[in-house]
Amino acid sequence: MSSVPVFQTARRAEVHSRDPWSPFAYVSRQLEQVTGLLIADALPSAGGRVLDFGCAASPYRQLLSDTTTYVGADLPGNPAATVEVRPDGTVPLDDCSFDVVLSTQVLEHVAEPKVYLRECLRLLRPTGSLVLTTHGIMYYHPDPRDYWRWTCEGLTKVITDEGFAIAEMKGVMGLGAAALQLLQEDLIGRVPARLRRPLAGATQKLIGVIDRRYTEERRLHNALVLAVRAVKQGPGDETGSHAG
């Protein structure tokens, strides 16, 4: 990342909404649930320190206990962040200073994923965890850019290449449910405004019904979004992977 764009203040307000009529209701609920489980597996019992690297509006901060120290980092211009990303993609924080780096829907917007992942590795304490969610087959949405999509195997490779081992990987929304989410996005801008909430409400209910029919393995292979907990490897450790 040779330059850092300014944080985009004009953002879709409903992205993290769980309201029944939100066009993202189902995936928002699932992402919060999966992220919470991965954070719980990653954090030490004493609470620990968490860096939200690309924090936006800190949508998952409420998942952390009062004993957890939270630091938000983002592009210049985000009032919710206490740390600004430098032009080279790094942050002015000490090596090995966090138990968890939280990265939710960030990696697809990063011009140089290797630089970002290496910075995550640098910031983590030995055996610390990266809890990351990013796009599988999600549609294009610049924020301010939108560069990447991954399969479960591709995401495993880019993460393990930088010195992590995959401890857990989960798919959020299987192929049929993801296809319906994509169809909804195409249709919702074409119907009159008064019909958008009813359309989204009905579609989100159907997405939930369809998605419950998928096994964990089938959901992982063609997911709308992928969620990972990856562990920092120490010197001499073998880098491996485990999805499930």
C-alpha atoms as a PDB file:
ATOM      1  CA  MET A   1       0.000   0.000   0.000  1.00  0.00           C
ATOM      2  CA  SER A   2       1.834   3.039  -1.236  1.00  0.00           C
ATOM      3  CA  SER A   3      -0.865   5.465  -0.169  1.00  0.00           C
ATOM      4  CA  VAL A   4      -3.760   5.464   2.238  1.00  0.00           C
ATOM      5  CA  PRO A   5      -7.129   6.836   1.100  1.00  0.00           C
ATOM      6  CA  VAL A   6      -9.348   8.842   3.406  1.00  0.00           C
ATOM      7  CA  PHE A   7     -12.015   7.014   5.406  1.00  0.00           C
ATOM      8  CA  GLN A   8     -15.376   6.995   3.640  1.00  0.00           C
ATOM      9  CA  THR A   9     -17.998   8.659   5.843  1.00  0.00           C
ATOM     10  CA  ALA A  10     -20.848   7.989   3.379  1.00  0.00           C
ATOM     11  CA  ARG A  11     -21.633   4.360   4.212  1.00  0.00           C
ATOM     12  CA  ARG A  12     -24.753   2.220   3.912  1.00  0.00           C
ATOM     13  CA  ALA A  13     -26.373   2.507   7.320  1.00  0.00           C
ATOM     14  CA  GLU A  14     -28.153  -0.861   7.115  1.00  0.00           C
ATOM     15  CA  VAL A  15     -25.032  -2.980   6.573  1.00  0.00           C
ATOM     16  CA  HIS A  16     -24.918  -4.132  10.206  1.00  0.00           C
ATOM     17  CA  SER A  17     -28.658  -3.877  10.855  1.00  0.00           C
ATOM     18  CA  ARG A  18     -30.483  -6.944  12.204  1.00  0.00           C
ATOM     19  CA  ASP A  19     -33.925  -5.415  11.599  1.00  0.00           C
ATOM     20  CA  PRO A  20     -36.197  -7.881   9.746  1.00  0.00           C
ATOM     21  CA  TRP A  21     -36.576  -5.534   6.772  1.00  0.00           C
ATOM     22  CA  SER A  22     -32.846  -4.854   6.409  1.00  0.00           C
ATOM     23  CA  PRO A  23     -31.380  -6.283   3.174  1.00  0.00           C
ATOM     24  CA  PHE A  24     -28.477  -7.593   5.291  1.00  0.00           C
ATOM     25  CA  ALA A  25     -30.442  -8.889   8.280  1.00  0.00           C
ATOM     26  CA  TYR A  26     -29.498 -12.562   8.010  1.00  0.00           C
ATOM     27  CA  VAL A  27     -25.823 -12.173   7.145  1.00  0.00           C
ATOM     28  CA  SER A  28     -25.434  -9.491   9.844  1.00  0.00           C
ATOM     29  CA  ARG A  29     -26.788 -11.853  12.498  1.00  0.00           C
ATOM     30  CA  GLN A  30     -24.637 -14.727  11.286  1.00  0.00           C
ATOM     31  CA  LEU A  31     -21.492 -12.612  11.113  1.00  0.00           C
ATOM     32  CA  GLU A  32     -21.978 -11.327  14.642  1.00  0.00           C
ATOM     33  CA  GLN A  33     -22.510 -14.869  15.932  1.00  0.00           C
ATOM     34  CA  VAL A  34     -19.496 -16.353  14.134  1.00  0.00           C
ATOM     35  CA  THR A  35     -17.236 -13.424  15.025  1.00  0.00           C
ATOM     36  CA  GLY A  36     -18.250 -13.696  18.668  1.00  0.00           C
ATOM     37  CA  LEU A  37     -17.421 -17.416  18.764  1.00  0.00           C
ATOM     38  CA  LEU A  38     -14.024 -16.889  17.142  1.00  0.00           C
ATOM     39  CA  ILE A  39     -13.157 -14.026  19.501  1.00  0.00           C
ATOM     40  CA  ALA A  40     -14.160 -16.154  22.505  1.00  0.00           C
ATOM     41  CA  ASP A  41     -11.829 -18.933  21.313  1.00  0.00           C
ATOM     42  CA  ALA A  42      -9.009 -16.436  20.743  1.00  0.00           C
ATOM     43  CA  LEU A  43      -9.025 -14.260  23.860  1.00  0.00           C
ATOM     44  CA  PRO A  44      -7.330 -15.240  27.118  1.00  0.00           C
ATOM     45  CA  SER A  45      -9.594 -15.610  30.147  1.00  0.00           C
ATOM     46  CA  ALA A  46      -8.165 -12.424  31.679  1.00  0.00           C
ATOM     47  CA  GLY A  47      -9.528 -10.319  28.822  1.00  0.00           C
ATOM     48  CA  GLY A  48      -6.386  -9.401  26.910  1.00  0.00           C
ATOM     49  CA  ARG A  49      -5.784  -6.706  24.297  1.00  0.00           C
ATOM     50  CA  VAL A  50      -7.632  -6.453  20.974  1.00  0.00           C
ATOM     51  CA  LEU A  51      -6.716  -4.329  17.950  1.00  0.00           C
ATOM     52  CA  ASP A  52      -9.633  -3.736  15.578  1.00  0.00           C
ATOM     53  CA  PHE A  53      -7.586  -3.174  12.407  1.00  0.00           C
ATOM     54  CA  GLY A  54      -9.934  -1.343  10.039  1.00  0.00           C
ATOM     55  CA  CYS A  55     -12.493  -0.685  12.736  1.00  0.00           C
ATOM     56  CA  ALA A  56     -15.020   1.494  10.812  1.00  0.00           C
ATOM     57  CA  ALA A  57     -17.812   2.065  13.373  1.00  0.00           C
ATOM     58  CA  SER A  58     -16.545  -0.711  15.710  1.00  0.00           C
ATOM     59  CA  PRO A  59     -19.598  -2.939  15.075  1.00  0.00           C
ATOM     60  CA  TYR A  60     -18.340  -5.848  17.193  1.00  0.00           C
ATOM     61  CA  ARG A  61     -16.890  -4.002  20.157  1.00  0.00           C
ATOM     62  CA  GLN A  62     -19.892  -5.039  22.250  1.00  0.00           C
ATOM     63  CA  LEU A  63     -18.742  -8.666  21.939  1.00  0.00           C
ATOM     64  CA  LEU A  64     -15.738  -7.897  24.159  1.00  0.00           C
ATOM     65  CA  SER A  65     -15.837  -8.029  27.951  1.00  0.00           C
ATOM     66  CA  ASP A  66     -15.140  -5.056  30.217  1.00  0.00           C
ATOM     67  CA  THR A  67     -11.764  -6.590  31.065  1.00  0.00           C
ATOM     68  CA  THR A  68     -10.603  -6.458  27.431  1.00  0.00           C
ATOM     69  CA  THR A  69      -8.534  -3.509  26.245  1.00  0.00           C
ATOM     70  CA  TYR A  70      -9.838  -2.352  22.849  1.00  0.00           C
ATOM     71  CA  VAL A  71      -7.912  -0.254  20.301  1.00  0.00           C
ATOM     72  CA  GLY A  72      -9.450   0.823  16.995  1.00  0.00           C
ATOM     73  CA  ALA A  73      -7.262   1.586  13.970  1.00  0.00           C
ATOM     74  CA  ASP A  74      -8.464   2.874  10.605  1.00  0.00           C
ATOM     75  CA  LEU A  75      -7.835   5.207   7.710  1.00  0.00           C
ATOM     76  CA  PRO A  76      -7.402   8.924   8.416  1.00  0.00           C
ATOM     77  CA  GLY A  77     -10.758  10.610   8.931  1.00  0.00           C
ATOM     78  CA  ASN A  78     -12.511   7.952  11.001  1.00  0.00           C
ATOM     79  CA  PRO A  79     -13.573   9.573  14.297  1.00  0.00           C
ATOM     80  CA  ALA A  80     -14.134   6.128  15.876  1.00  0.00           C
ATOM     81  CA  ALA A  81     -10.451   5.190  15.499  1.00  0.00           C
ATOM     82  CA  THR A  82      -7.771   6.061  18.041  1.00  0.00           C
ATOM     83  CA  VAL A  83      -4.911   5.012  15.731  1.00  0.00           C
ATOM     84  CA  GLU A  84      -4.402   6.060  12.098  1.00  0.00           C
ATOM     85  CA  VAL A  85      -3.035   3.781   9.397  1.00  0.00           C
ATOM     86  CA  ARG A  86       0.170   5.143   7.893  1.00  0.00           C
ATOM     87  CA  PRO A  87       0.658   5.607   4.124  1.00  0.00           C
ATOM     88  CA  ASP A  88       2.674   2.355   3.991  1.00  0.00           C
ATOM     89  CA  GLY A  89      -0.168   0.366   5.574  1.00  0.00           C
ATOM     90  CA  THR A  90       1.431   0.005   9.009  1.00  0.00           C
ATOM     91  CA  VAL A  91       0.278   1.424  12.340  1.00  0.00           C
ATOM     92  CA  PRO A  92       2.340   3.194  15.063  1.00  0.00           C
ATOM     93  CA  LEU A  93       2.019   0.387  17.614  1.00  0.00           C
ATOM     94  CA  ASP A  94       4.584  -1.864  19.275  1.00  0.00           C
ATOM     95  CA  ASP A  95       5.524  -5.340  18.133  1.00  0.00           C
ATOM     96  CA  CYS A  96       3.822  -8.238  19.930  1.00  0.00           C
ATOM     97  CA  SER A  97       1.428  -5.950  21.799  1.00  0.00           C
ATOM     98  CA  PHE A  98      -1.971  -7.610  21.180  1.00  0.00           C
ATOM     99  CA  ASP A  99      -3.590 -10.941  21.966  1.00  0.00           C
ATOM    100  CA  VAL A 100      -6.076 -10.604  19.095  1.00  0.00           C
ATOM    101  CA  VAL A 101      -6.163  -8.627  15.873  1.00  0.00           C
ATOM    102  CA  LEU A 102      -9.760  -8.280  14.702  1.00  0.00           C
ATOM    103  CA  SER A 103     -10.284  -7.705  10.976  1.00  0.00           C
ATOM    104  CA  THR A 104     -13.906  -7.698   9.828  1.00  0.00           C
ATOM    105  CA  GLN A 105     -14.706  -7.100   6.160  1.00  0.00           C
ATOM    106  CA  VAL A 106     -11.397  -5.288   5.611  1.00  0.00           C
ATOM    107  CA  LEU A 107      -9.086  -7.543   3.586  1.00  0.00           C
ATOM    108  CA  GLU A 108     -11.087  -7.230   0.358  1.00  0.00           C
ATOM    109  CA  HIS A 109     -10.533  -3.454   0.483  1.00  0.00           C
ATOM    110  CA  VAL A 110      -6.755  -3.648   1.032  1.00  0.00           C
ATOM    111  CA  ALA A 111      -4.586  -3.062  -2.044  1.00  0.00           C
ATOM    112  CA  GLU A 112      -1.728  -5.199  -0.664  1.00  0.00           C
ATOM    113  CA  PRO A 113      -3.082  -8.073   1.472  1.00  0.00           C
ATOM    114  CA  LYS A 114       0.429  -9.382   2.199  1.00  0.00           C
ATOM    115  CA  VAL A 115       1.455  -6.057   3.757  1.00  0.00           C
ATOM    116  CA  TYR A 116      -1.701  -5.995   5.869  1.00  0.00           C
ATOM    117  CA  LEU A 117      -1.308  -9.596   7.057  1.00  0.00           C
ATOM    118  CA  ARG A 118       2.376  -9.109   7.887  1.00  0.00           C
ATOM    119  CA  GLU A 119       1.426  -6.113  10.005  1.00  0.00           C
ATOM    120  CA  CYS A 120      -1.179  -8.223  11.794  1.00  0.00           C
ATOM    121  CA  LEU A 121       1.519 -10.829  12.475  1.00  0.00           C
ATOM    122  CA  ARG A 122       3.943  -8.205  13.795  1.00  0.00           C
ATOM    123  CA  LEU A 123       1.401  -6.800  16.216  1.00  0.00           C
ATOM    124  CA  LEU A 124       0.365 -10.137  17.702  1.00  0.00           C
ATOM    125  CA  ARG A 125       1.978 -11.720  20.720  1.00  0.00           C
ATOM    126  CA  PRO A 126       3.352 -15.262  20.294  1.00  0.00           C
ATOM    127  CA  THR A 127       0.409 -17.644  19.719  1.00  0.00           C
ATOM    128  CA  GLY A 128      -1.925 -14.643  19.411  1.00  0.00           C
ATOM    129  CA  SER A 129      -4.880 -14.883  17.025  1.00  0.00           C
ATOM    130  CA  LEU A 130      -6.061 -13.071  13.941  1.00  0.00           C
ATOM    131  CA  VAL A 131      -9.878 -13.129  13.772  1.00  0.00           C
ATOM    132  CA  LEU A 132     -10.733 -12.197  10.205  1.00  0.00           C
ATOM    133  CA  THR A 133     -13.842 -12.101   8.043  1.00  0.00           C
ATOM    134  CA  THR A 134     -13.785 -11.287   4.349  1.00  0.00           C
ATOM    135  CA  HIS A 135     -15.624 -11.918   1.114  1.00  0.00           C
ATOM    136  CA  GLY A 136     -16.206 -15.172  -0.649  1.00  0.00           C
ATOM    137  CA  ILE A 137     -18.689 -14.544  -3.483  1.00  0.00           C
ATOM    138  CA  MET A 138     -20.070 -11.212  -2.287  1.00  0.00           C
ATOM    139  CA  TYR A 139     -20.931  -8.553  -4.882  1.00  0.00           C
ATOM    140  CA  TYR A 140     -18.735  -5.532  -5.659  1.00  0.00           C
ATOM    141  CA  HIS A 141     -18.871  -2.675  -3.144  1.00  0.00           C
ATOM    142  CA  PRO A 142     -16.048  -0.103  -3.013  1.00  0.00           C
ATOM    143  CA  ASP A 143     -15.138   1.244   0.438  1.00  0.00           C
ATOM    144  CA  PRO A 144     -13.253   3.167  -0.904  1.00  0.00           C
ATOM    145  CA  ARG A 145     -11.901   0.361  -3.177  1.00  0.00           C
ATOM    146  CA  ASP A 146     -12.934  -3.272  -3.581  1.00  0.00           C
ATOM    147  CA  TYR A 147     -10.125  -5.544  -4.819  1.00  0.00           C
ATOM    148  CA  TRP A 148     -10.483  -9.184  -3.824  1.00  0.00           C
ATOM    149  CA  ARG A 149     -12.652 -12.302  -3.415  1.00  0.00           C
ATOM    150  CA  TRP A 150     -11.508 -15.654  -1.999  1.00  0.00           C
ATOM    151  CA  THR A 151     -12.297 -19.334  -1.936  1.00  0.00           C
ATOM    152  CA  CYS A 152     -11.620 -21.156   1.326  1.00  0.00           C
ATOM    153  CA  GLU A 153      -8.407 -22.565  -0.175  1.00  0.00           C
ATOM    154  CA  GLY A 154      -7.262 -19.209  -1.534  1.00  0.00           C
ATOM    155  CA  LEU A 155      -7.819 -17.450   1.781  1.00  0.00           C
ATOM    156  CA  THR A 156      -5.988 -20.224   3.602  1.00  0.00           C
ATOM    157  CA  LYS A 157      -3.007 -19.751   1.283  1.00  0.00           C
ATOM    158  CA  VAL A 158      -2.687 -15.966   1.603  1.00  0.00           C
ATOM    159  CA  ILE A 159      -2.941 -16.180   5.410  1.00  0.00           C
ATOM    160  CA  THR A 160      -0.592 -19.135   5.950  1.00  0.00           C
ATOM    161  CA  ASP A 161       1.961 -17.706   3.496  1.00  0.00           C
ATOM    162  CA  GLU A 162       2.486 -14.830   5.959  1.00  0.00           C
ATOM    163  CA  GLY A 163       3.225 -16.988   9.019  1.00  0.00           C
ATOM    164  CA  PHE A 164      -0.162 -17.997  10.435  1.00  0.00           C
ATOM    165  CA  ALA A 165      -1.764 -21.383  10.968  1.00  0.00           C
ATOM    166  CA  ILE A 166      -5.511 -21.678  10.401  1.00  0.00           C
ATOM    167  CA  ALA A 167      -7.176 -22.839  13.615  1.00  0.00           C
ATOM    168  CA  GLU A 168     -10.800 -22.422  12.446  1.00  0.00           C
ATOM    169  CA  MET A 169     -12.499 -21.441   9.206  1.00  0.00           C
ATOM    170  CA  LYS A 170     -16.234 -21.057   8.670  1.00  0.00           C
ATOM    171  CA  GLY A 171     -18.458 -20.134   5.773  1.00  0.00           C
ATOM    172  CA  VAL A 172     -21.259 -17.619   6.270  1.00  0.00           C
ATOM    173  CA  MET A 173     -24.215 -18.387   3.934  1.00  0.00           C
ATOM    174  CA  GLY A 174     -24.039 -21.336   1.548  1.00  0.00           C
ATOM    175  CA  LEU A 175     -24.368 -21.198  -2.222  1.00  0.00           C
ATOM    176  CA  GLY A 176     -28.170 -21.081  -2.569  1.00  0.00           C
ATOM    177  CA  ALA A 177     -28.571 -18.517   0.213  1.00  0.00           C
ATOM    178  CA  ALA A 178     -25.708 -16.462  -1.197  1.00  0.00           C
ATOM    179  CA  ALA A 179     -27.268 -16.569  -4.673  1.00  0.00           C
ATOM    180  CA  LEU A 180     -30.532 -15.231  -3.249  1.00  0.00           C
ATOM    181  CA  GLN A 181     -28.662 -12.445  -1.435  1.00  0.00           C
ATOM    182  CA  LEU A 182     -27.027 -11.449  -4.730  1.00  0.00           C
ATOM    183  CA  LEU A 183     -30.361 -11.558  -6.554  1.00  0.00           C
ATOM    184  CA  GLN A 184     -31.932  -9.348  -3.882  1.00  0.00           C
ATOM    185  CA  GLU A 185     -29.159  -6.771  -4.342  1.00  0.00           C
ATOM    186  CA  ASP A 186     -29.851  -6.669  -8.070  1.00  0.00           C
ATOM    187  CA  LEU A 187     -33.631  -6.351  -7.653  1.00  0.00           C
ATOM    188  CA  ILE A 188     -33.940  -3.993  -4.710  1.00  0.00           C
ATOM    189  CA  GLY A 189     -32.822  -0.920  -6.654  1.00  0.00           C
ATOM    190  CA  ARG A 190     -35.257  -1.698  -9.459  1.00  0.00           C
ATOM    191  CA  VAL A 191     -38.494  -1.753  -7.460  1.00  0.00           C
ATOM    192  CA  PRO A 192     -40.402   1.274  -6.097  1.00  0.00           C
ATOM    193  CA  ALA A 193     -39.130   2.527  -2.742  1.00  0.00           C
ATOM    194  CA  ARG A 194     -42.323   1.460  -0.938  1.00  0.00           C
ATOM    195  CA  LEU A 195     -41.674  -2.179  -1.915  1.00  0.00           C
ATOM    196  CA  ARG A 196     -38.039  -2.392  -0.835  1.00  0.00           C
ATOM    197  CA  ARG A 197     -38.622  -3.214   2.819  1.00  0.00           C
ATOM    198  CA  PRO A 198     -41.232  -5.915   2.083  1.00  0.00           C
ATOM    199  CA  LEU A 199     -38.951  -7.391  -0.579  1.00  0.00           C
ATOM    200  CA  ALA A 200     -35.949  -7.451   1.753  1.00  0.00           C
ATOM    201  CA  GLY A 201     -37.981  -8.865   4.648  1.00  0.00           C
ATOM    202  CA  ALA A 202     -39.354 -11.743   2.578  1.00  0.00           C
ATOM    203  CA  THR A 203     -35.992 -12.448   0.945  1.00  0.00           C
ATOM    204  CA  GLN A 204     -34.123 -12.499   4.256  1.00  0.00           C
ATOM    205  CA  LYS A 205     -36.603 -14.982   5.735  1.00  0.00           C
ATOM    206  CA  LEU A 206     -36.176 -17.263   2.727  1.00  0.00           C
ATOM    207  CA  ILE A 207     -32.390 -16.945   2.928  1.00  0.00           C
ATOM    208  CA  GLY A 208     -32.525 -18.191   6.510  1.00  0.00           C
ATOM    209  CA  VAL A 209     -34.660 -21.198   5.545  1.00  0.00           C
ATOM    210  CA  ILE A 210     -32.340 -22.137   2.684  1.00  0.00           C
ATOM    211  CA  ASP A 211     -29.120 -21.596   4.620  1.00  0.00           C
ATOM    212  CA  ARG A 212     -30.142 -23.911   7.462  1.00  0.00           C
ATOM    213  CA  ARG A 213     -30.137 -26.812   4.989  1.00  0.00           C
ATOM    214  CA  TYR A 214     -26.381 -26.582   4.427  1.00  0.00           C
ATOM    215  CA  THR A 215     -23.761 -28.548   6.300  1.00  0.00           C
ATOM    216  CA  GLU A 216     -20.726 -26.655   7.616  1.00  0.00           C
ATOM    217  CA  GLU A 217     -18.577 -28.167   4.852  1.00  0.00           C
ATOM    218  CA  ARG A 218     -20.947 -27.246   2.009  1.00  0.00           C
ATOM    219  CA  ARG A 219     -21.372 -23.731   3.379  1.00  0.00           C
ATOM    220  CA  LEU A 220     -17.601 -23.272   3.550  1.00  0.00           C
ATOM    221  CA  HIS A 221     -16.958 -24.244  -0.061  1.00  0.00           C
ATOM    222  CA  ASN A 222     -19.240 -21.629  -1.638  1.00  0.00           C
ATOM    223  CA  ALA A 223     -19.688 -19.001   1.067  1.00  0.00           C
ATOM    224  CA  LEU A 224     -20.846 -15.424   0.697  1.00  0.00           C
ATOM    225  CA  VAL A 225     -18.395 -14.510   3.479  1.00  0.00           C
ATOM    226  CA  LEU A 226     -15.522 -16.438   5.064  1.00  0.00           C
ATOM    227  CA  ALA A 227     -14.536 -16.230   8.732  1.00  0.00           C
ATOM    228  CA  VAL A 228     -11.161 -17.349  10.097  1.00  0.00           C
ATOM    229  CA  ARG A 229      -9.240 -17.651  13.328  1.00  0.00           C
ATOM    230  CA  ALA A 230      -5.549 -17.905  12.512  1.00  0.00           C
ATOM    231  CA  VAL A 231      -2.759 -18.327  15.071  1.00  0.00           C
ATOM    232  CA  LYS A 232       0.642 -16.651  14.915  1.00  0.00           C
ATOM    233  CA  GLN A 233       3.397 -19.208  14.463  1.00  0.00           C
ATOM    234  CA  GLY A 234       6.606 -19.022  16.472  1.00  0.00           C
ATOM    235  CA  PRO A 235      10.128 -19.811  15.211  1.00  0.00           C
ATOM    236  CA  GLY A 236      10.351 -23.464  14.228  1.00  0.00           C
ATOM    237  CA  ASP A 237       6.585 -24.013  14.256  1.00  0.00           C
ATOM    238  CA  GLU A 238       5.090 -25.824  11.321  1.00  0.00           C
ATOM    239  CA  THR A 239       2.500 -23.793   9.454  1.00  0.00           C
ATOM    240  CA  GLY A 240      -0.592 -25.884   9.004  1.00  0.00           C
ATOM    241  CA  SER A 241      -4.260 -25.397   8.458  1.00  0.00           C
ATOM    242  CA  HIS A 242      -7.537 -26.711   9.756  1.00  0.00           C
ATOM    243  CA  ALA A 243     -10.909 -25.708   8.367  1.00  0.00           C
ATOM    244  CA  GLY A 244     -14.068 -26.518  10.217  1.00  0.00           C
END
